[in-house]
Amino acid sequence: MNRNFSLELLERKKEEFCLREIIDSNEFKYSQCLLPLALGVKTDGGKYVYDLTKMHNLLIAGSNDYTNNYDNVTNIINNIILSVLYKVKLEEVELVLFDTVKQMYAYKNISQLYDYEDIDSGIERVINILLRLVMIMEKRYHKYATLYVRDIEEHNAKIVSENKDKYIVVIISEFSCLMNNSNKSKEMEDLILKLSKFGKAVGIHLIFTIQNIYKDVITDKIRESFLSRLSFKTSSAKESKLILDCSGAEKLSIKGDMLFLPSTELKPIHLQCPYVSTKEVERVIKFLNKQNLLTKTKL
């Protein structure tokens, strides 16, 4: 769907919010979301939580012209991962992290990890993991057909606890690094498009971050596959339209200001991204380890 309209941004006092404020809120505590994401604070001060399972996939972008956007993207990735760790049971989810710019190293040994790869792993390793995910997806489709269920939610409602399927959340930081540094980018893109098109029904969700906002990276196929999008400040209305299908992101302030366009909405939602320090990330992982909630496993 092409959303050609301009966005009028609301003026408000810029404050720095911590993720704890959303985690402790009723909106998060009593959320019925299967994979709740504590994305930010709304212009009216309300806490905004959205269910990843309601998205097809999520594209996160912000212009590379602003150095603070690196911190913003790191913050939103931390918010997403910590939301899952706080709320979702160990046996219900696994993470696949492609850490091309070393933003997710702290999560390298958590139990919810199906796999962690950094830029040094090589493109062949990334492609092999994507192939394994496609195989998991196809196996689940076959199983669901034999059980006469439509999706993972129906499957897990029908099956006893130990045989339920886990949700799989795939996060790729700086997608353009993979696409621009390999002669196998077409093969990788084909696998990603297959997962993005068919993965949602079987519980596989993709989240990409991009700071090099170019048409040859955010292609029409990628835009069609990533219908939920989030943008930090861009350098121009043209970049904003490439991400959100509308202008507005170029008017954002640099620190934590963002526009979120879920696939279920016609207009972006103006949010302030919570701040998460490295020490807070380490404290959460240490706490969960003490509770014996993080014991590394595999699918």
C-alpha atoms as a PDB file:
ATOM      1  CA  MET A   1       0.000   0.000   0.000  1.00  0.00           C
ATOM      2  CA  ASN A   2       1.355   3.423  -0.903  1.00  0.00           C
ATOM      3  CA  ARG A   3       0.816   5.934   1.908  1.00  0.00           C
ATOM      4  CA  ASN A   4       1.353   9.264   0.235  1.00  0.00           C
ATOM      5  CA  PHE A   5       0.699  11.927   2.829  1.00  0.00           C
ATOM      6  CA  SER A   6       2.718  14.378   4.855  1.00  0.00           C
ATOM      7  CA  LEU A   7       2.951  14.106   8.627  1.00  0.00           C
ATOM      8  CA  GLU A   8       2.405  16.999  10.998  1.00  0.00           C
ATOM      9  CA  LEU A   9       4.698  16.476  13.970  1.00  0.00           C
ATOM     10  CA  LEU A  10       3.558  17.448  17.435  1.00  0.00           C
ATOM     11  CA  GLU A  11       5.710  19.765  19.488  1.00  0.00           C
ATOM     12  CA  ARG A  12       6.485  18.428  22.934  1.00  0.00           C
ATOM     13  CA  LYS A  13       9.100  18.652  25.613  1.00  0.00           C
ATOM     14  CA  LYS A  14      11.922  16.242  24.899  1.00  0.00           C
ATOM     15  CA  GLU A  15      12.654  13.999  27.847  1.00  0.00           C
ATOM     16  CA  GLU A  16      14.855  10.973  28.280  1.00  0.00           C
ATOM     17  CA  PHE A  17      12.932   7.861  29.242  1.00  0.00           C
ATOM     18  CA  CYS A  18      14.366   4.635  30.595  1.00  0.00           C
ATOM     19  CA  LEU A  19      13.152   1.229  29.464  1.00  0.00           C
ATOM     20  CA  ARG A  20      12.295   0.377  33.088  1.00  0.00           C
ATOM     21  CA  GLU A  21       9.457   2.945  32.970  1.00  0.00           C
ATOM     22  CA  ILE A  22       7.744   0.948  30.228  1.00  0.00           C
ATOM     23  CA  ILE A  23       8.590  -2.492  31.661  1.00  0.00           C
ATOM     24  CA  ASP A  24       7.006  -1.456  34.982  1.00  0.00           C
ATOM     25  CA  SER A  25       3.931   0.072  33.335  1.00  0.00           C
ATOM     26  CA  ASN A  26       0.500  -1.571  33.271  1.00  0.00           C
ATOM     27  CA  GLU A  27       0.596  -1.420  29.478  1.00  0.00           C
ATOM     28  CA  PHE A  28       3.516  -3.848  29.487  1.00  0.00           C
ATOM     29  CA  LYS A  29       2.777  -5.874  32.640  1.00  0.00           C
ATOM     30  CA  TYR A  30      -0.767  -6.754  31.610  1.00  0.00           C
ATOM     31  CA  SER A  31      -0.195  -6.900  27.888  1.00  0.00           C
ATOM     32  CA  GLN A  32      -1.793  -9.848  26.106  1.00  0.00           C
ATOM     33  CA  CYS A  33       0.832  -9.647  23.359  1.00  0.00           C
ATOM     34  CA  LEU A  34       2.556 -12.925  22.516  1.00  0.00           C
ATOM     35  CA  LEU A  35       5.826 -11.121  21.707  1.00  0.00           C
ATOM     36  CA  PRO A  36       5.478  -7.674  23.320  1.00  0.00           C
ATOM     37  CA  LEU A  37       7.907  -4.947  22.296  1.00  0.00           C
ATOM     38  CA  ALA A  38       8.344  -1.952  24.613  1.00  0.00           C
ATOM     39  CA  LEU A  39       8.937   0.510  21.794  1.00  0.00           C
ATOM     40  CA  GLY A  40       8.580   3.896  23.426  1.00  0.00           C
ATOM     41  CA  VAL A  41       6.578   6.694  25.003  1.00  0.00           C
ATOM     42  CA  LYS A  42       3.825   8.499  23.077  1.00  0.00           C
ATOM     43  CA  THR A  43       3.438  12.264  22.793  1.00  0.00           C
ATOM     44  CA  ASP A  44       0.776  12.184  25.523  1.00  0.00           C
ATOM     45  CA  GLY A  45       3.101  10.305  27.900  1.00  0.00           C
ATOM     46  CA  GLY A  46       1.421   6.930  27.421  1.00  0.00           C
ATOM     47  CA  LYS A  47       3.593   3.839  27.154  1.00  0.00           C
ATOM     48  CA  TYR A  48       3.510   2.151  23.760  1.00  0.00           C
ATOM     49  CA  VAL A  49       3.742  -1.645  23.532  1.00  0.00           C
ATOM     50  CA  TYR A  50       3.228  -3.520  20.269  1.00  0.00           C
ATOM     51  CA  ASP A  51       3.000  -7.223  19.468  1.00  0.00           C
ATOM     52  CA  LEU A  52       5.684  -8.456  17.078  1.00  0.00           C
ATOM     53  CA  THR A  53       3.393 -11.317  16.033  1.00  0.00           C
ATOM     54  CA  LYS A  54       0.971  -8.751  14.565  1.00  0.00           C
ATOM     55  CA  MET A  55       3.691  -7.422  12.275  1.00  0.00           C
ATOM     56  CA  HIS A  56       4.792  -9.131   9.125  1.00  0.00           C
ATOM     57  CA  ASN A  57       8.346  -7.969   9.792  1.00  0.00           C
ATOM     58  CA  LEU A  58      10.008  -4.796  11.069  1.00  0.00           C
ATOM     59  CA  LEU A  59      12.419  -2.467   9.268  1.00  0.00           C
ATOM     60  CA  ILE A  60      14.293   0.050  11.459  1.00  0.00           C
ATOM     61  CA  ALA A  61      16.111   2.910   9.732  1.00  0.00           C
ATOM     62  CA  GLY A  62      17.756   6.255  10.350  1.00  0.00           C
ATOM     63  CA  SER A  63      20.162   8.327   8.314  1.00  0.00           C
ATOM     64  CA  ASN A  64      23.876   7.643   8.669  1.00  0.00           C
ATOM     65  CA  ASP A  65      24.417  11.418   8.538  1.00  0.00           C
ATOM     66  CA  TYR A  66      23.582  11.676  12.235  1.00  0.00           C
ATOM     67  CA  THR A  67      25.989   9.954  14.622  1.00  0.00           C
ATOM     68  CA  ASN A  68      23.311   9.785  17.337  1.00  0.00           C
ATOM     69  CA  ASN A  69      21.281   7.478  15.126  1.00  0.00           C
ATOM     70  CA  TYR A  70      23.784   4.706  15.849  1.00  0.00           C
ATOM     71  CA  ASP A  71      22.951   5.068  19.549  1.00  0.00           C
ATOM     72  CA  ASN A  72      19.236   5.255  18.733  1.00  0.00           C
ATOM     73  CA  VAL A  73      19.360   2.036  16.736  1.00  0.00           C
ATOM     74  CA  THR A  74      21.366   0.303  19.483  1.00  0.00           C
ATOM     75  CA  ASN A  75      18.768   1.450  22.021  1.00  0.00           C
ATOM     76  CA  ILE A  76      15.787   0.161  20.045  1.00  0.00           C
ATOM     77  CA  ILE A  77      17.500  -3.211  19.463  1.00  0.00           C
ATOM     78  CA  ASN A  78      18.170  -3.466  23.210  1.00  0.00           C
ATOM     79  CA  ASN A  79      14.542  -2.509  23.940  1.00  0.00           C
ATOM     80  CA  ILE A  80      13.270  -5.230  21.619  1.00  0.00           C
ATOM     81  CA  ILE A  81      15.537  -7.979  22.955  1.00  0.00           C
ATOM     82  CA  LEU A  82      15.045  -7.057  26.617  1.00  0.00           C
ATOM     83  CA  SER A  83      11.260  -6.874  26.130  1.00  0.00           C
ATOM     84  CA  VAL A  84      11.343 -10.468  24.943  1.00  0.00           C
ATOM     85  CA  LEU A  85      13.632 -11.599  27.772  1.00  0.00           C
ATOM     86  CA  TYR A  86      11.471  -9.904  30.404  1.00  0.00           C
ATOM     87  CA  LYS A  87       8.100 -11.141  29.212  1.00  0.00           C
ATOM     88  CA  VAL A  88       8.348 -14.309  27.133  1.00  0.00           C
ATOM     89  CA  LYS A  89       9.012 -17.691  28.696  1.00  0.00           C
ATOM     90  CA  LEU A  90      12.306 -19.423  27.963  1.00  0.00           C
ATOM     91  CA  GLU A  91      10.640 -22.306  26.132  1.00  0.00           C
ATOM     92  CA  GLU A  92       8.565 -20.025  23.900  1.00  0.00           C
ATOM     93  CA  VAL A  93      11.126 -18.070  21.867  1.00  0.00           C
ATOM     94  CA  GLU A  94      14.562 -18.224  20.264  1.00  0.00           C
ATOM     95  CA  LEU A  95      16.675 -15.419  18.834  1.00  0.00           C
ATOM     96  CA  VAL A  96      18.881 -15.377  15.747  1.00  0.00           C
ATOM     97  CA  LEU A  97      21.274 -12.410  15.856  1.00  0.00           C
ATOM     98  CA  PHE A  98      23.375 -11.272  12.889  1.00  0.00           C
ATOM     99  CA  ASP A  99      25.535  -8.632  14.542  1.00  0.00           C
ATOM    100  CA  THR A 100      27.310  -6.907  11.663  1.00  0.00           C
ATOM    101  CA  VAL A 101      28.226  -3.776  13.655  1.00  0.00           C
ATOM    102  CA  LYS A 102      28.785  -5.355  17.108  1.00  0.00           C
ATOM    103  CA  GLN A 103      25.601  -3.996  18.703  1.00  0.00           C
ATOM    104  CA  MET A 104      24.335  -7.255  20.237  1.00  0.00           C
ATOM    105  CA  TYR A 105      27.475  -8.885  21.636  1.00  0.00           C
ATOM    106  CA  ALA A 106      26.115  -8.798  25.201  1.00  0.00           C
ATOM    107  CA  TYR A 107      23.492 -11.394  24.242  1.00  0.00           C
ATOM    108  CA  LYS A 108      25.958 -13.882  22.805  1.00  0.00           C
ATOM    109  CA  ASN A 109      25.436 -16.548  25.475  1.00  0.00           C
ATOM    110  CA  ILE A 110      21.785 -16.274  26.454  1.00  0.00           C
ATOM    111  CA  SER A 111      19.702 -19.411  26.267  1.00  0.00           C
ATOM    112  CA  GLN A 112      17.101 -17.915  23.960  1.00  0.00           C
ATOM    113  CA  LEU A 113      19.840 -17.747  21.347  1.00  0.00           C
ATOM    114  CA  TYR A 114      19.427 -20.054  18.374  1.00  0.00           C
ATOM    115  CA  ASP A 115      22.511 -18.510  16.787  1.00  0.00           C
ATOM    116  CA  TYR A 116      24.773 -15.465  17.015  1.00  0.00           C
ATOM    117  CA  GLU A 117      27.008 -14.354  14.158  1.00  0.00           C
ATOM    118  CA  ASP A 118      29.083 -11.219  13.754  1.00  0.00           C
ATOM    119  CA  ILE A 119      30.554  -9.679  10.609  1.00  0.00           C
ATOM    120  CA  ASP A 120      33.649 -11.866  10.942  1.00  0.00           C
ATOM    121  CA  SER A 121      31.595 -15.049  10.524  1.00  0.00           C
ATOM    122  CA  GLY A 122      31.439 -14.637   6.761  1.00  0.00           C
ATOM    123  CA  ILE A 123      28.535 -14.541   4.350  1.00  0.00           C
ATOM    124  CA  GLU A 124      28.564 -18.319   3.829  1.00  0.00           C
ATOM    125  CA  ARG A 125      27.776 -18.819   7.505  1.00  0.00           C
ATOM    126  CA  VAL A 126      24.890 -16.328   7.310  1.00  0.00           C
ATOM    127  CA  ILE A 127      23.460 -18.022   4.228  1.00  0.00           C
ATOM    128  CA  ASN A 128      23.694 -21.450   5.886  1.00  0.00           C
ATOM    129  CA  ILE A 129      21.718 -20.209   8.884  1.00  0.00           C
ATOM    130  CA  LEU A 130      19.074 -18.658   6.626  1.00  0.00           C
ATOM    131  CA  LEU A 131      18.821 -21.972   4.759  1.00  0.00           C
ATOM    132  CA  ARG A 132      18.288 -23.772   8.069  1.00  0.00           C
ATOM    133  CA  LEU A 133      15.535 -21.319   8.972  1.00  0.00           C
ATOM    134  CA  VAL A 134      13.842 -21.898   5.608  1.00  0.00           C
ATOM    135  CA  MET A 135      13.978 -25.644   6.287  1.00  0.00           C
ATOM    136  CA  ILE A 136      12.413 -25.120   9.727  1.00  0.00           C
ATOM    137  CA  MET A 137       9.711 -22.977   8.118  1.00  0.00           C
ATOM    138  CA  GLU A 138       8.891 -25.585   5.468  1.00  0.00           C
ATOM    139  CA  LYS A 139       8.881 -28.395   8.050  1.00  0.00           C
ATOM    140  CA  ARG A 140       6.429 -26.446  10.197  1.00  0.00           C
ATOM    141  CA  TYR A 141       4.130 -25.796   7.221  1.00  0.00           C
ATOM    142  CA  HIS A 142       4.040 -29.517   6.484  1.00  0.00           C
ATOM    143  CA  LYS A 143       3.326 -30.337  10.134  1.00  0.00           C
ATOM    144  CA  TYR A 144       0.564 -27.727  10.399  1.00  0.00           C
ATOM    145  CA  ALA A 145      -1.087 -29.113   7.277  1.00  0.00           C
ATOM    146  CA  THR A 146      -1.196 -32.626   8.744  1.00  0.00           C
ATOM    147  CA  LEU A 147      -2.698 -31.247  11.977  1.00  0.00           C
ATOM    148  CA  TYR A 148      -5.229 -29.037  10.130  1.00  0.00           C
ATOM    149  CA  VAL A 149      -4.059 -25.818  11.814  1.00  0.00           C
ATOM    150  CA  ARG A 150      -3.393 -22.508  10.085  1.00  0.00           C
ATOM    151  CA  ASP A 151      -0.571 -21.026  12.117  1.00  0.00           C
ATOM    152  CA  ILE A 152       1.702 -21.325  15.140  1.00  0.00           C
ATOM    153  CA  GLU A 153      -0.918 -19.934  17.513  1.00  0.00           C
ATOM    154  CA  GLU A 154      -3.448 -22.623  16.555  1.00  0.00           C
ATOM    155  CA  HIS A 155      -0.717 -25.277  16.633  1.00  0.00           C
ATOM    156  CA  ASN A 156       0.487 -24.370  20.121  1.00  0.00           C
ATOM    157  CA  ALA A 157      -3.090 -24.228  21.438  1.00  0.00           C
ATOM    158  CA  LYS A 158      -3.649 -27.768  20.196  1.00  0.00           C
ATOM    159  CA  ILE A 159      -0.350 -29.381  21.217  1.00  0.00           C
ATOM    160  CA  VAL A 160       0.885 -30.385  24.674  1.00  0.00           C
ATOM    161  CA  SER A 161       3.496 -28.138  26.237  1.00  0.00           C
ATOM    162  CA  GLU A 162       6.741 -29.962  25.426  1.00  0.00           C
ATOM    163  CA  ASN A 163       5.904 -30.165  21.706  1.00  0.00           C
ATOM    164  CA  LYS A 164       4.918 -26.555  21.144  1.00  0.00           C
ATOM    165  CA  ASP A 165       6.836 -24.613  18.495  1.00  0.00           C
ATOM    166  CA  LYS A 166       8.997 -21.700  19.541  1.00  0.00           C
ATOM    167  CA  TYR A 167       8.737 -18.259  18.005  1.00  0.00           C
ATOM    168  CA  ILE A 168      11.946 -17.345  16.191  1.00  0.00           C
ATOM    169  CA  VAL A 169      13.002 -13.685  16.080  1.00  0.00           C
ATOM    170  CA  VAL A 170      15.732 -12.891  13.542  1.00  0.00           C
ATOM    171  CA  ILE A 171      17.557  -9.568  14.027  1.00  0.00           C
ATOM    172  CA  ILE A 172      20.086  -8.279  11.496  1.00  0.00           C
ATOM    173  CA  SER A 173      21.941  -5.112  12.477  1.00  0.00           C
ATOM    174  CA  GLU A 174      22.905  -2.912   9.517  1.00  0.00           C
ATOM    175  CA  PHE A 175      21.496  -5.044   6.727  1.00  0.00           C
ATOM    176  CA  SER A 176      23.366  -2.986   4.123  1.00  0.00           C
ATOM    177  CA  CYS A 177      26.713  -4.319   5.425  1.00  0.00           C
ATOM    178  CA  LEU A 178      25.680  -7.810   4.358  1.00  0.00           C
ATOM    179  CA  MET A 179      24.161  -6.715   1.050  1.00  0.00           C
ATOM    180  CA  ASN A 180      27.053  -4.493  -0.043  1.00  0.00           C
ATOM    181  CA  ASN A 181      29.951  -6.747   0.931  1.00  0.00           C
ATOM    182  CA  SER A 182      29.163  -9.984  -0.811  1.00  0.00           C
ATOM    183  CA  ASN A 183      28.897 -11.430  -4.302  1.00  0.00           C
ATOM    184  CA  LYS A 184      26.178 -13.678  -2.881  1.00  0.00           C
ATOM    185  CA  SER A 185      23.869 -10.859  -1.849  1.00  0.00           C
ATOM    186  CA  LYS A 186      21.222 -11.984  -4.368  1.00  0.00           C
ATOM    187  CA  GLU A 187      21.132 -15.500  -2.886  1.00  0.00           C
ATOM    188  CA  MET A 188      20.861 -14.055   0.610  1.00  0.00           C
ATOM    189  CA  GLU A 189      18.134 -11.605  -0.399  1.00  0.00           C
ATOM    190  CA  ASP A 190      16.091 -14.434  -1.957  1.00  0.00           C
ATOM    191  CA  LEU A 191      16.247 -16.427   1.285  1.00  0.00           C
ATOM    192  CA  ILE A 192      15.296 -13.370   3.334  1.00  0.00           C
ATOM    193  CA  LEU A 193      12.368 -12.574   1.056  1.00  0.00           C
ATOM    194  CA  LYS A 194      11.127 -16.158   1.324  1.00  0.00           C
ATOM    195  CA  LEU A 195      11.296 -16.039   5.116  1.00  0.00           C
ATOM    196  CA  SER A 196       9.676 -12.614   5.254  1.00  0.00           C
ATOM    197  CA  LYS A 197       6.826 -13.667   2.981  1.00  0.00           C
ATOM    198  CA  PHE A 198       5.969 -17.024   4.540  1.00  0.00           C
ATOM    199  CA  GLY A 199       7.581 -16.990   8.003  1.00  0.00           C
ATOM    200  CA  LYS A 200       4.930 -15.106   9.993  1.00  0.00           C
ATOM    201  CA  ALA A 201       2.355 -17.939   9.998  1.00  0.00           C
ATOM    202  CA  VAL A 202       4.879 -20.376  11.471  1.00  0.00           C
ATOM    203  CA  GLY A 203       6.290 -17.941  14.046  1.00  0.00           C
ATOM    204  CA  ILE A 204       9.376 -16.570  12.272  1.00  0.00           C
ATOM    205  CA  HIS A 205       9.737 -12.777  12.390  1.00  0.00           C
ATOM    206  CA  LEU A 206      12.506 -10.639  10.863  1.00  0.00           C
ATOM    207  CA  ILE A 207      13.828  -7.331  12.208  1.00  0.00           C
ATOM    208  CA  PHE A 208      16.397  -5.386  10.156  1.00  0.00           C
ATOM    209  CA  THR A 209      18.229  -2.159  10.881  1.00  0.00           C
ATOM    210  CA  ILE A 210      19.522   0.069   8.064  1.00  0.00           C
ATOM    211  CA  GLN A 211      21.399   3.358   8.309  1.00  0.00           C
ATOM    212  CA  ASN A 212      22.613   3.559   4.713  1.00  0.00           C
ATOM    213  CA  ILE A 213      19.293   4.632   3.214  1.00  0.00           C
ATOM    214  CA  TYR A 214      19.636   3.909  -0.489  1.00  0.00           C
ATOM    215  CA  LYS A 215      17.175   2.594  -3.039  1.00  0.00           C
ATOM    216  CA  ASP A 216      19.517  -0.295  -3.908  1.00  0.00           C
ATOM    217  CA  VAL A 217      19.433  -1.423  -0.239  1.00  0.00           C
ATOM    218  CA  ILE A 218      15.805  -0.653   0.635  1.00  0.00           C
ATOM    219  CA  THR A 219      14.514  -2.193  -2.586  1.00  0.00           C
ATOM    220  CA  ASP A 220      10.862  -2.409  -3.578  1.00  0.00           C
ATOM    221  CA  LYS A 221      10.899  -6.111  -2.686  1.00  0.00           C
ATOM    222  CA  ILE A 222      12.242  -5.358   0.788  1.00  0.00           C
ATOM    223  CA  ARG A 223       9.649  -2.597   1.272  1.00  0.00           C
ATOM    224  CA  GLU A 224       6.850  -4.934   0.230  1.00  0.00           C
ATOM    225  CA  SER A 225       8.079  -7.593   2.666  1.00  0.00           C
ATOM    226  CA  PHE A 226       8.664  -5.262   5.631  1.00  0.00           C
ATOM    227  CA  LEU A 227       5.291  -3.587   6.055  1.00  0.00           C
ATOM    228  CA  SER A 228       5.994  -2.401   9.604  1.00  0.00           C
ATOM    229  CA  ARG A 229       8.670   0.295   9.695  1.00  0.00           C
ATOM    230  CA  LEU A 230      10.346   2.508  12.243  1.00  0.00           C
ATOM    231  CA  SER A 231      12.412   5.574  11.431  1.00  0.00           C
ATOM    232  CA  PHE A 232      14.719   7.837  13.373  1.00  0.00           C
ATOM    233  CA  LYS A 233      15.812  11.165  11.915  1.00  0.00           C
ATOM    234  CA  THR A 234      16.560  11.190   8.196  1.00  0.00           C
ATOM    235  CA  SER A 235      18.536  13.779   6.251  1.00  0.00           C
ATOM    236  CA  SER A 236      15.712  14.502   3.808  1.00  0.00           C
ATOM    237  CA  ALA A 237      12.016  14.040   3.060  1.00  0.00           C
ATOM    238  CA  LYS A 238      13.073  11.726   0.230  1.00  0.00           C
ATOM    239  CA  GLU A 239      14.723   9.336   2.701  1.00  0.00           C
ATOM    240  CA  SER A 240      11.682   9.540   4.966  1.00  0.00           C
ATOM    241  CA  LYS A 241       9.394   8.595   2.068  1.00  0.00           C
ATOM    242  CA  LEU A 242      11.647   5.676   1.158  1.00  0.00           C
ATOM    243  CA  ILE A 243      11.247   4.301   4.681  1.00  0.00           C
ATOM    244  CA  LEU A 244       7.721   5.344   5.702  1.00  0.00           C
ATOM    245  CA  ASP A 245       6.033   6.208   2.400  1.00  0.00           C
ATOM    246  CA  CYS A 246       5.571   9.726   3.776  1.00  0.00           C
ATOM    247  CA  SER A 247       7.639  12.715   4.837  1.00  0.00           C
ATOM    248  CA  GLY A 248       8.133  13.601   8.486  1.00  0.00           C
ATOM    249  CA  ALA A 249      11.191  11.722   9.702  1.00  0.00           C
ATOM    250  CA  GLU A 250      13.411  14.553   8.460  1.00  0.00           C
ATOM    251  CA  LYS A 251      11.736  16.823  11.071  1.00  0.00           C
ATOM    252  CA  LEU A 252      12.539  14.617  14.034  1.00  0.00           C
ATOM    253  CA  SER A 253      15.049  15.630  16.664  1.00  0.00           C
ATOM    254  CA  ILE A 254      18.204  13.561  16.824  1.00  0.00           C
ATOM    255  CA  LYS A 255      17.988  12.057  20.314  1.00  0.00           C
ATOM    256  CA  GLY A 256      15.535   9.154  20.571  1.00  0.00           C
ATOM    257  CA  ASP A 257      12.778  10.715  18.461  1.00  0.00           C
ATOM    258  CA  MET A 258      11.164   8.233  16.073  1.00  0.00           C
ATOM    259  CA  LEU A 259       8.155   7.452  13.923  1.00  0.00           C
ATOM    260  CA  PHE A 260       6.648   3.965  14.005  1.00  0.00           C
ATOM    261  CA  LEU A 261       4.397   2.772  11.187  1.00  0.00           C
ATOM    262  CA  PRO A 262       2.906  -0.654  11.976  1.00  0.00           C
ATOM    263  CA  SER A 263       1.355  -2.606   9.127  1.00  0.00           C
ATOM    264  CA  THR A 264      -2.055  -2.167  10.786  1.00  0.00           C
ATOM    265  CA  GLU A 265      -1.984   1.666  10.681  1.00  0.00           C
ATOM    266  CA  LEU A 266      -2.192   4.282   7.924  1.00  0.00           C
ATOM    267  CA  LYS A 267      -0.251   7.016   9.752  1.00  0.00           C
ATOM    268  CA  PRO A 268       3.018   6.811  11.694  1.00  0.00           C
ATOM    269  CA  ILE A 269       2.962   7.068  15.478  1.00  0.00           C
ATOM    270  CA  HIS A 270       5.312   9.609  17.086  1.00  0.00           C
ATOM    271  CA  LEU A 271       7.343   7.976  19.895  1.00  0.00           C
ATOM    272  CA  GLN A 272      10.324   8.646  22.103  1.00  0.00           C
ATOM    273  CA  CYS A 273      12.727   5.701  22.296  1.00  0.00           C
ATOM    274  CA  PRO A 274      13.668   4.650  25.858  1.00  0.00           C
ATOM    275  CA  TYR A 275      17.322   4.748  26.792  1.00  0.00           C
ATOM    276  CA  VAL A 276      19.079   1.524  27.786  1.00  0.00           C
ATOM    277  CA  SER A 277      22.653   1.639  29.059  1.00  0.00           C
ATOM    278  CA  THR A 278      25.178  -1.125  28.522  1.00  0.00           C
ATOM    279  CA  LYS A 279      25.329  -1.609  32.289  1.00  0.00           C
ATOM    280  CA  GLU A 280      21.558  -2.126  32.421  1.00  0.00           C
ATOM    281  CA  VAL A 281      21.759  -4.763  29.682  1.00  0.00           C
ATOM    282  CA  GLU A 282      24.519  -6.541  31.599  1.00  0.00           C
ATOM    283  CA  ARG A 283      22.549  -6.328  34.865  1.00  0.00           C
ATOM    284  CA  VAL A 284      19.466  -7.897  33.280  1.00  0.00           C
ATOM    285  CA  ILE A 285      21.450 -10.780  31.779  1.00  0.00           C
ATOM    286  CA  LYS A 286      23.307 -11.319  35.076  1.00  0.00           C
ATOM    287  CA  PHE A 287      20.007 -11.346  36.989  1.00  0.00           C
ATOM    288  CA  LEU A 288      18.427 -13.861  34.630  1.00  0.00           C
ATOM    289  CA  ASN A 289      21.505 -16.058  34.855  1.00  0.00           C
ATOM    290  CA  LYS A 290      21.216 -16.033  38.656  1.00  0.00           C
ATOM    291  CA  GLN A 291      17.587 -17.101  38.314  1.00  0.00           C
ATOM    292  CA  ASN A 292      18.743 -19.998  36.107  1.00  0.00           C
ATOM    293  CA  LEU A 293      16.575 -18.622  33.315  1.00  0.00           C
ATOM    294  CA  LEU A 294      19.392 -18.452  30.794  1.00  0.00           C
ATOM    295  CA  THR A 295      20.841 -21.871  30.045  1.00  0.00           C
ATOM    296  CA  LYS A 296      21.969 -22.125  26.471  1.00  0.00           C
ATOM    297  CA  THR A 297      19.924 -24.515  24.336  1.00  0.00           C
ATOM    298  CA  LYS A 298      19.264 -25.221  20.670  1.00  0.00           C
ATOM    299  CA  LEU A 299      16.123 -25.779  18.654  1.00  0.00           C
END
